[in-house]
Amino acid sequence: AHGHTARWPQFDISTQGPQRRSHAMASKEAVRRVIREVFGLVNLPGNNPAHKTLKKALSGPYEKRYYPESIDKYARKCMPEGVRYTTEIQARRLAKLDQLRRRGKGPPKKGAGKKSKK
């Protein structure tokens, strides 16, 4: 109005159209590349349901901490000659197998299964 002209934003013609899109795409790709390097994510195009699974944190280290390593291997090495180390689960399984064998319901001897009777 009073000799004051409205200032319109100045647009650089070189950043319009397809070139502008390519610059934007290049910067998006650079951001994706950095994200992959930092977070170790796999970039899957589109709405792939596997992407959700691949984005999840790996649970292996947590599971390894939760389930401690078995001592069986080391216990067997420490046992004196002639003494056999068995876990509680193994002992129960062997006791049940012994009961089944006494009743005649145990597993057949090697080579005496169903197929050999034909």
C-alpha atoms as a PDB file:
ATOM      1  CA  ALA A   1       0.000   0.000   0.000  1.00  0.00           C
ATOM      2  CA  HIS A   2       2.102   3.081   1.004  1.00  0.00           C
ATOM      3  CA  GLY A   3       4.860   2.498  -1.472  1.00  0.00           C
ATOM      4  CA  HIS A   4       5.488  -0.866   0.136  1.00  0.00           C
ATOM      5  CA  THR A   5       5.468  -3.755  -2.261  1.00  0.00           C
ATOM      6  CA  ALA A   6       4.587  -7.206  -1.011  1.00  0.00           C
ATOM      7  CA  ARG A   7       7.541  -9.506  -1.048  1.00  0.00           C
ATOM      8  CA  TRP A   8       6.901 -12.767  -2.757  1.00  0.00           C
ATOM      9  CA  PRO A   9       9.218 -15.644  -2.008  1.00  0.00           C
ATOM     10  CA  GLN A  10      11.928 -16.014  -4.596  1.00  0.00           C
ATOM     11  CA  PHE A  11      12.044 -19.496  -6.106  1.00  0.00           C
ATOM     12  CA  ASP A  12      15.134 -20.816  -7.734  1.00  0.00           C
ATOM     13  CA  ILE A  13      14.024 -22.336 -11.021  1.00  0.00           C
ATOM     14  CA  SER A  14      16.744 -25.000 -10.836  1.00  0.00           C
ATOM     15  CA  THR A  15      15.062 -26.630  -7.792  1.00  0.00           C
ATOM     16  CA  GLN A  16      11.662 -26.987  -9.437  1.00  0.00           C
ATOM     17  CA  GLY A  17      10.206 -30.051 -11.151  1.00  0.00           C
ATOM     18  CA  PRO A  18      12.030 -33.362 -11.597  1.00  0.00           C
ATOM     19  CA  GLN A  19      15.394 -32.032 -10.381  1.00  0.00           C
ATOM     20  CA  ARG A  20      13.885 -31.003  -7.073  1.00  0.00           C
ATOM     21  CA  ARG A  21      12.343 -34.477  -6.700  1.00  0.00           C
ATOM     22  CA  SER A  22      15.682 -36.135  -7.420  1.00  0.00           C
ATOM     23  CA  HIS A  23      17.379 -33.992  -4.743  1.00  0.00           C
ATOM     24  CA  ALA A  24      14.676 -34.942  -2.250  1.00  0.00           C
ATOM     25  CA  MET A  25      14.970 -38.611  -3.191  1.00  0.00           C
ATOM     26  CA  ALA A  26      18.752 -38.462  -2.874  1.00  0.00           C
ATOM     27  CA  SER A  27      18.522 -36.944   0.616  1.00  0.00           C
ATOM     28  CA  LYS A  28      15.897 -39.532   1.672  1.00  0.00           C
ATOM     29  CA  GLU A  29      18.165 -42.298   0.435  1.00  0.00           C
ATOM     30  CA  ALA A  30      21.078 -40.800   2.380  1.00  0.00           C
ATOM     31  CA  VAL A  31      18.936 -40.705   5.533  1.00  0.00           C
ATOM     32  CA  ARG A  32      17.856 -44.320   4.983  1.00  0.00           C
ATOM     33  CA  ARG A  33      21.493 -45.362   4.490  1.00  0.00           C
ATOM     34  CA  VAL A  34      22.530 -43.684   7.757  1.00  0.00           C
ATOM     35  CA  ILE A  35      19.607 -45.293   9.612  1.00  0.00           C
ATOM     36  CA  ARG A  36      20.627 -48.715   8.266  1.00  0.00           C
ATOM     37  CA  GLU A  37      24.225 -48.172   9.396  1.00  0.00           C
ATOM     38  CA  VAL A  38      23.257 -46.953  12.871  1.00  0.00           C
ATOM     39  CA  PHE A  39      20.372 -49.273  13.695  1.00  0.00           C
ATOM     40  CA  GLY A  40      21.171 -52.214  11.425  1.00  0.00           C
ATOM     41  CA  LEU A  41      17.728 -52.230   9.814  1.00  0.00           C
ATOM     42  CA  VAL A  42      17.000 -53.877   6.509  1.00  0.00           C
ATOM     43  CA  ASN A  43      15.264 -51.511   4.108  1.00  0.00           C
ATOM     44  CA  LEU A  44      12.318 -53.262   2.481  1.00  0.00           C
ATOM     45  CA  PRO A  45      10.291 -51.335  -0.091  1.00  0.00           C
ATOM     46  CA  GLY A  46       6.567 -50.878   0.351  1.00  0.00           C
ATOM     47  CA  ASN A  47       4.337 -52.269   3.061  1.00  0.00           C
ATOM     48  CA  ASN A  48       6.074 -55.596   3.516  1.00  0.00           C
ATOM     49  CA  PRO A  49       4.880 -57.521   6.615  1.00  0.00           C
ATOM     50  CA  ALA A  50       8.371 -58.956   7.062  1.00  0.00           C
ATOM     51  CA  HIS A  51       9.709 -55.466   7.728  1.00  0.00           C
ATOM     52  CA  LYS A  52       8.011 -55.423  11.153  1.00  0.00           C
ATOM     53  CA  THR A  53       9.760 -58.664  12.091  1.00  0.00           C
ATOM     54  CA  LEU A  54      13.144 -57.530  10.814  1.00  0.00           C
ATOM     55  CA  LYS A  55      12.875 -54.244  12.733  1.00  0.00           C
ATOM     56  CA  LYS A  56      12.426 -56.018  16.073  1.00  0.00           C
ATOM     57  CA  ALA A  57      15.418 -56.244  18.364  1.00  0.00           C
ATOM     58  CA  LEU A  58      17.154 -59.601  18.480  1.00  0.00           C
ATOM     59  CA  SER A  59      16.144 -61.658  21.507  1.00  0.00           C
ATOM     60  CA  GLY A  60      19.065 -64.113  21.488  1.00  0.00           C
ATOM     61  CA  PRO A  61      21.274 -62.306  24.025  1.00  0.00           C
ATOM     62  CA  TYR A  62      18.351 -61.942  26.452  1.00  0.00           C
ATOM     63  CA  GLU A  63      17.372 -65.607  26.103  1.00  0.00           C
ATOM     64  CA  LYS A  64      20.969 -66.673  26.636  1.00  0.00           C
ATOM     65  CA  ARG A  65      21.050 -64.692  29.888  1.00  0.00           C
ATOM     66  CA  TYR A  66      17.693 -66.128  31.017  1.00  0.00           C
ATOM     67  CA  TYR A  67      18.563 -69.771  30.324  1.00  0.00           C
ATOM     68  CA  PRO A  68      21.994 -70.395  31.851  1.00  0.00           C
ATOM     69  CA  GLU A  69      24.362 -72.908  30.284  1.00  0.00           C
ATOM     70  CA  SER A  70      23.867 -76.450  31.528  1.00  0.00           C
ATOM     71  CA  ILE A  71      26.453 -77.835  33.967  1.00  0.00           C
ATOM     72  CA  ASP A  72      25.968 -81.408  32.740  1.00  0.00           C
ATOM     73  CA  LYS A  73      28.987 -81.369  30.435  1.00  0.00           C
ATOM     74  CA  TYR A  74      31.306 -80.161  33.198  1.00  0.00           C
ATOM     75  CA  ALA A  75      29.760 -82.415  35.863  1.00  0.00           C
ATOM     76  CA  ARG A  76      30.375 -85.518  33.712  1.00  0.00           C
ATOM     77  CA  LYS A  77      34.071 -84.579  33.401  1.00  0.00           C
ATOM     78  CA  CYS A  78      34.430 -84.121  37.173  1.00  0.00           C
ATOM     79  CA  MET A  79      32.801 -87.435  38.139  1.00  0.00           C
ATOM     80  CA  PRO A  80      35.195 -90.207  39.276  1.00  0.00           C
ATOM     81  CA  GLU A  81      35.696 -93.365  37.183  1.00  0.00           C
ATOM     82  CA  GLY A  82      32.781 -95.779  37.258  1.00  0.00           C
ATOM     83  CA  VAL A  83      30.295 -93.188  38.575  1.00  0.00           C
ATOM     84  CA  ARG A  84      27.806 -92.003  36.012  1.00  0.00           C
ATOM     85  CA  TYR A  85      26.324 -88.494  36.274  1.00  0.00           C
ATOM     86  CA  THR A  86      22.614 -88.264  35.445  1.00  0.00           C
ATOM     87  CA  THR A  87      20.274 -85.325  35.689  1.00  0.00           C
ATOM     88  CA  GLU A  88      16.981 -85.551  37.540  1.00  0.00           C
ATOM     89  CA  ILE A  89      15.092 -85.643  34.222  1.00  0.00           C
ATOM     90  CA  GLN A  90      17.297 -88.464  32.888  1.00  0.00           C
ATOM     91  CA  ALA A  91      16.849 -90.446  36.110  1.00  0.00           C
ATOM     92  CA  ARG A  92      13.062 -90.100  35.901  1.00  0.00           C
ATOM     93  CA  ARG A  93      13.050 -91.162  32.237  1.00  0.00           C
ATOM     94  CA  LEU A  94      15.215 -94.218  32.949  1.00  0.00           C
ATOM     95  CA  ALA A  95      13.017 -95.224  35.925  1.00  0.00           C
ATOM     96  CA  LYS A  96       9.862 -94.995  33.794  1.00  0.00           C
ATOM     97  CA  LEU A  97      11.507 -96.960  30.982  1.00  0.00           C
ATOM     98  CA  ASP A  98      12.507 -99.657  33.486  1.00  0.00           C
ATOM     99  CA  GLN A  99       8.902 -99.913  34.733  1.00  0.00           C
ATOM    100  CA  LEU A 100       7.587-100.190  31.167  1.00  0.00           C
ATOM    101  CA  ARG A 101      10.117-102.913  30.319  1.00  0.00           C
ATOM    102  CA  ARG A 102       9.076-104.949  33.370  1.00  0.00           C
ATOM    103  CA  ARG A 103       5.464-104.839  32.158  1.00  0.00           C
ATOM    104  CA  GLY A 104       6.546-105.780  28.619  1.00  0.00           C
ATOM    105  CA  LYS A 105       5.613-102.380  27.176  1.00  0.00           C
ATOM    106  CA  GLY A 106       9.104-101.032  26.521  1.00  0.00           C
ATOM    107  CA  PRO A 107      10.628-100.334  23.124  1.00  0.00           C
ATOM    108  CA  PRO A 108      11.493-103.390  20.977  1.00  0.00           C
ATOM    109  CA  LYS A 109      15.074-104.577  20.631  1.00  0.00           C
ATOM    110  CA  LYS A 110      17.004-103.161  17.704  1.00  0.00           C
ATOM    111  CA  GLY A 111      15.799-104.709  14.443  1.00  0.00           C
ATOM    112  CA  ALA A 112      12.664-106.212  16.011  1.00  0.00           C
ATOM    113  CA  GLY A 113      10.170-103.433  15.193  1.00  0.00           C
ATOM    114  CA  LYS A 114       6.856-103.577  13.338  1.00  0.00           C
ATOM    115  CA  LYS A 115       8.381-103.701   9.863  1.00  0.00           C
ATOM    116  CA  SER A 116      10.562-106.739  10.596  1.00  0.00           C
ATOM    117  CA  LYS A 117       7.544-108.865  11.618  1.00  0.00           C
ATOM    118  CA  LYS A 118       6.071-108.823   8.080  1.00  0.00           C
END
